[in-house]
Amino acid sequence: MLNGFLRKVLGKSESRDVAKKRLKFALIYDKLEVSDDTLESLHRDIVEVISRYFEIDQDAFKLDIHRTDDLSALVVNTPIISAKHRH
Protein backbone atom coordinates (compact mmCIF):
# COMPACT_ATOMS: atom_id res chain seq x y z
CA MET A 1 0.00 0.00 0.00
CA LEU A 2 2.79 2.41 0.90
CA ASN A 3 4.60 1.44 -2.30
CA GLY A 4 1.53 2.36 -4.39
CA PHE A 5 1.24 5.68 -2.59
CA LEU A 6 4.89 6.46 -3.22
CA ARG A 7 4.49 5.63 -6.91
CA LYS A 8 1.60 8.06 -7.18
CA VAL A 9 3.47 10.78 -5.35
CA LEU A 10 6.77 10.28 -7.13
CA GLY A 11 5.27 9.59 -10.55
CA LYS A 12 7.17 6.37 -11.19
CA SER A 13 4.21 4.71 -12.89
CA GLU A 14 3.95 7.67 -15.26
CA SER A 15 7.58 7.40 -16.31
CA ARG A 16 7.13 3.65 -16.68
CA ASP A 17 4.14 4.23 -18.96
CA VAL A 18 6.16 6.67 -21.06
CA ALA A 19 8.99 4.14 -21.34
CA LYS A 20 6.53 1.40 -22.36
CA LYS A 21 5.01 3.66 -25.01
CA ARG A 22 8.44 4.53 -26.43
CA LEU A 23 9.41 0.88 -26.56
CA LYS A 24 6.11 0.00 -28.23
CA PHE A 25 6.68 2.62 -30.96
CA ALA A 26 10.27 1.45 -31.44
CA LEU A 27 9.06 -2.12 -31.95
CA ILE A 28 6.37 -1.01 -34.39
CA TYR A 29 8.87 1.03 -36.42
CA ASP A 30 11.27 -1.92 -36.47
CA LYS A 31 8.54 -4.32 -37.59
CA LEU A 32 7.52 -1.98 -40.41
CA GLU A 33 11.21 -1.48 -41.25
CA VAL A 34 10.85 2.31 -41.13
CA SER A 35 14.13 4.09 -40.44
CA ASP A 36 14.48 7.24 -38.37
CA ASP A 37 15.59 9.10 -41.50
CA THR A 38 12.45 8.02 -43.33
CA LEU A 39 10.23 9.12 -40.44
CA GLU A 40 12.00 12.50 -40.25
CA SER A 41 11.58 13.01 -44.00
CA LEU A 42 7.92 12.02 -43.81
CA HIS A 43 7.43 14.42 -40.90
CA ARG A 44 8.97 17.32 -42.87
CA ASP A 45 6.98 16.48 -46.02
CA ILE A 46 3.64 16.29 -44.21
CA VAL A 47 4.29 19.56 -42.36
CA GLU A 48 5.18 21.21 -45.68
CA VAL A 49 1.99 20.03 -47.41
CA ILE A 50 -0.35 20.85 -44.52
CA SER A 51 1.31 24.27 -44.18
CA ARG A 52 0.25 25.13 -47.74
CA TYR A 53 -3.38 25.13 -46.60
CA PHE A 54 -3.24 25.84 -42.85
CA GLU A 55 -1.15 27.74 -40.38
CA ILE A 56 -0.20 25.04 -37.87
CA ASP A 57 1.73 24.80 -34.62
CA GLN A 58 4.77 22.95 -35.96
CA ASP A 59 6.20 22.44 -32.48
CA ALA A 60 3.09 20.52 -31.43
CA PHE A 61 2.95 18.41 -34.63
CA LYS A 62 2.97 14.69 -33.87
CA LEU A 63 3.37 11.76 -36.22
CA ASP A 64 2.74 8.27 -34.85
CA ILE A 65 2.19 4.77 -36.16
CA HIS A 66 -0.52 2.77 -34.41
CA ARG A 67 -0.57 -0.96 -34.97
CA THR A 68 -3.05 -3.74 -34.35
CA ASP A 69 -2.56 -7.39 -35.20
CA ASP A 70 -3.39 -6.94 -38.88
CA LEU A 71 -3.22 -3.20 -39.54
CA SER A 72 -0.86 -0.26 -39.17
CA ALA A 73 -2.15 3.31 -39.25
CA LEU A 74 -0.26 6.55 -39.68
CA VAL A 75 -1.72 9.08 -37.25
CA VAL A 76 -1.01 12.79 -37.68
CA ASN A 77 -2.02 15.23 -34.97
CA THR A 78 -1.42 18.96 -35.20
CA PRO A 79 -3.17 22.03 -33.86
CA ILE A 80 -4.52 24.20 -36.70
CA ILE A 81 -4.17 27.90 -35.94
CA SER A 82 -6.00 29.15 -39.03
CA ALA A 83 -6.83 28.34 -42.62
CA LYS A 84 -4.82 30.04 -45.34
CA HIS A 85 -6.88 31.78 -47.99
CA ARG A 86 -5.83 30.81 -51.49
CA HIS A 87 -6.52 33.14 -54.36
C-alpha atoms as a PDB file:
ATOM      1  CA  MET A   1       0.000   0.000   0.000  1.00  0.00           C
ATOM      2  CA  LEU A   2       2.791   2.412   0.896  1.00  0.00           C
ATOM      3  CA  ASN A   3       4.600   1.440  -2.302  1.00  0.00           C
ATOM      4  CA  GLY A   4       1.527   2.364  -4.391  1.00  0.00           C
ATOM      5  CA  PHE A   5       1.236   5.684  -2.590  1.00  0.00           C
ATOM      6  CA  LEU A   6       4.888   6.464  -3.224  1.00  0.00           C
ATOM      7  CA  ARG A   7       4.491   5.630  -6.910  1.00  0.00           C
ATOM      8  CA  LYS A   8       1.598   8.060  -7.182  1.00  0.00           C
ATOM      9  CA  VAL A   9       3.466  10.784  -5.349  1.00  0.00           C
ATOM     10  CA  LEU A  10       6.768  10.280  -7.131  1.00  0.00           C
ATOM     11  CA  GLY A  11       5.268   9.593 -10.552  1.00  0.00           C
ATOM     12  CA  LYS A  12       7.173   6.370 -11.192  1.00  0.00           C
ATOM     13  CA  SER A  13       4.214   4.715 -12.887  1.00  0.00           C
ATOM     14  CA  GLU A  14       3.945   7.673 -15.260  1.00  0.00           C
ATOM     15  CA  SER A  15       7.584   7.401 -16.310  1.00  0.00           C
ATOM     16  CA  ARG A  16       7.130   3.649 -16.679  1.00  0.00           C
ATOM     17  CA  ASP A  17       4.139   4.231 -18.963  1.00  0.00           C
ATOM     18  CA  VAL A  18       6.158   6.665 -21.064  1.00  0.00           C
ATOM     19  CA  ALA A  19       8.992   4.143 -21.344  1.00  0.00           C
ATOM     20  CA  LYS A  20       6.533   1.401 -22.362  1.00  0.00           C
ATOM     21  CA  LYS A  21       5.008   3.662 -25.011  1.00  0.00           C
ATOM     22  CA  ARG A  22       8.443   4.531 -26.434  1.00  0.00           C
ATOM     23  CA  LEU A  23       9.406   0.877 -26.558  1.00  0.00           C
ATOM     24  CA  LYS A  24       6.107  -0.002 -28.235  1.00  0.00           C
ATOM     25  CA  PHE A  25       6.678   2.615 -30.960  1.00  0.00           C
ATOM     26  CA  ALA A  26      10.270   1.453 -31.437  1.00  0.00           C
ATOM     27  CA  LEU A  27       9.058  -2.115 -31.946  1.00  0.00           C
ATOM     28  CA  ILE A  28       6.369  -1.006 -34.392  1.00  0.00           C
ATOM     29  CA  TYR A  29       8.875   1.026 -36.423  1.00  0.00           C
ATOM     30  CA  ASP A  30      11.267  -1.924 -36.469  1.00  0.00           C
ATOM     31  CA  LYS A  31       8.540  -4.320 -37.588  1.00  0.00           C
ATOM     32  CA  LEU A  32       7.524  -1.977 -40.406  1.00  0.00           C
ATOM     33  CA  GLU A  33      11.205  -1.477 -41.247  1.00  0.00           C
ATOM     34  CA  VAL A  34      10.845   2.313 -41.132  1.00  0.00           C
ATOM     35  CA  SER A  35      14.133   4.086 -40.445  1.00  0.00           C
ATOM     36  CA  ASP A  36      14.482   7.237 -38.374  1.00  0.00           C
ATOM     37  CA  ASP A  37      15.594   9.098 -41.498  1.00  0.00           C
ATOM     38  CA  THR A  38      12.448   8.022 -43.334  1.00  0.00           C
ATOM     39  CA  LEU A  39      10.230   9.122 -40.443  1.00  0.00           C
ATOM     40  CA  GLU A  40      11.997  12.497 -40.246  1.00  0.00           C
ATOM     41  CA  SER A  41      11.580  13.005 -44.005  1.00  0.00           C
ATOM     42  CA  LEU A  42       7.924  12.016 -43.809  1.00  0.00           C
ATOM     43  CA  HIS A  43       7.429  14.422 -40.902  1.00  0.00           C
ATOM     44  CA  ARG A  44       8.968  17.321 -42.869  1.00  0.00           C
ATOM     45  CA  ASP A  45       6.979  16.484 -46.021  1.00  0.00           C
ATOM     46  CA  ILE A  46       3.644  16.286 -44.205  1.00  0.00           C
ATOM     47  CA  VAL A  47       4.294  19.562 -42.362  1.00  0.00           C
ATOM     48  CA  GLU A  48       5.178  21.209 -45.679  1.00  0.00           C
ATOM     49  CA  VAL A  49       1.995  20.025 -47.410  1.00  0.00           C
ATOM     50  CA  ILE A  50      -0.350  20.847 -44.519  1.00  0.00           C
ATOM     51  CA  SER A  51       1.309  24.268 -44.182  1.00  0.00           C
ATOM     52  CA  ARG A  52       0.253  25.126 -47.738  1.00  0.00           C
ATOM     53  CA  TYR A  53      -3.378  25.129 -46.597  1.00  0.00           C
ATOM     54  CA  PHE A  54      -3.237  25.842 -42.854  1.00  0.00           C
ATOM     55  CA  GLU A  55      -1.148  27.740 -40.376  1.00  0.00           C
ATOM     56  CA  ILE A  56      -0.196  25.036 -37.866  1.00  0.00           C
ATOM     57  CA  ASP A  57       1.729  24.803 -34.618  1.00  0.00           C
ATOM     58  CA  GLN A  58       4.768  22.949 -35.963  1.00  0.00           C
ATOM     59  CA  ASP A  59       6.204  22.442 -32.477  1.00  0.00           C
ATOM     60  CA  ALA A  60       3.086  20.517 -31.430  1.00  0.00           C
ATOM     61  CA  PHE A  61       2.955  18.414 -34.631  1.00  0.00           C
ATOM     62  CA  LYS A  62       2.968  14.690 -33.870  1.00  0.00           C
ATOM     63  CA  LEU A  63       3.373  11.764 -36.216  1.00  0.00           C
ATOM     64  CA  ASP A  64       2.740   8.272 -34.851  1.00  0.00           C
ATOM     65  CA  ILE A  65       2.190   4.771 -36.155  1.00  0.00           C
ATOM     66  CA  HIS A  66      -0.516   2.774 -34.408  1.00  0.00           C
ATOM     67  CA  ARG A  67      -0.572  -0.964 -34.971  1.00  0.00           C
ATOM     68  CA  THR A  68      -3.049  -3.737 -34.348  1.00  0.00           C
ATOM     69  CA  ASP A  69      -2.559  -7.394 -35.196  1.00  0.00           C
ATOM     70  CA  ASP A  70      -3.392  -6.935 -38.878  1.00  0.00           C
ATOM     71  CA  LEU A  71      -3.225  -3.199 -39.541  1.00  0.00           C
ATOM     72  CA  SER A  72      -0.859  -0.258 -39.172  1.00  0.00           C
ATOM     73  CA  ALA A  73      -2.149   3.312 -39.251  1.00  0.00           C
ATOM     74  CA  LEU A  74      -0.259   6.545 -39.677  1.00  0.00           C
ATOM     75  CA  VAL A  75      -1.717   9.085 -37.247  1.00  0.00           C
ATOM     76  CA  VAL A  76      -1.010  12.792 -37.680  1.00  0.00           C
ATOM     77  CA  ASN A  77      -2.023  15.226 -34.968  1.00  0.00           C
ATOM     78  CA  THR A  78      -1.418  18.961 -35.197  1.00  0.00           C
ATOM     79  CA  PRO A  79      -3.166  22.033 -33.860  1.00  0.00           C
ATOM     80  CA  ILE A  80      -4.522  24.199 -36.695  1.00  0.00           C
ATOM     81  CA  ILE A  81      -4.168  27.901 -35.943  1.00  0.00           C
ATOM     82  CA  SER A  82      -6.000  29.153 -39.025  1.00  0.00           C
ATOM     83  CA  ALA A  83      -6.831  28.340 -42.617  1.00  0.00           C
ATOM     84  CA  LYS A  84      -4.816  30.040 -45.341  1.00  0.00           C
ATOM     85  CA  HIS A  85      -6.879  31.775 -47.989  1.00  0.00           C
ATOM     86  CA  ARG A  86      -5.828  30.810 -51.485  1.00  0.00           C
ATOM     87  CA  HIS A  87      -6.519  33.136 -54.356  1.00  0.00           C
END
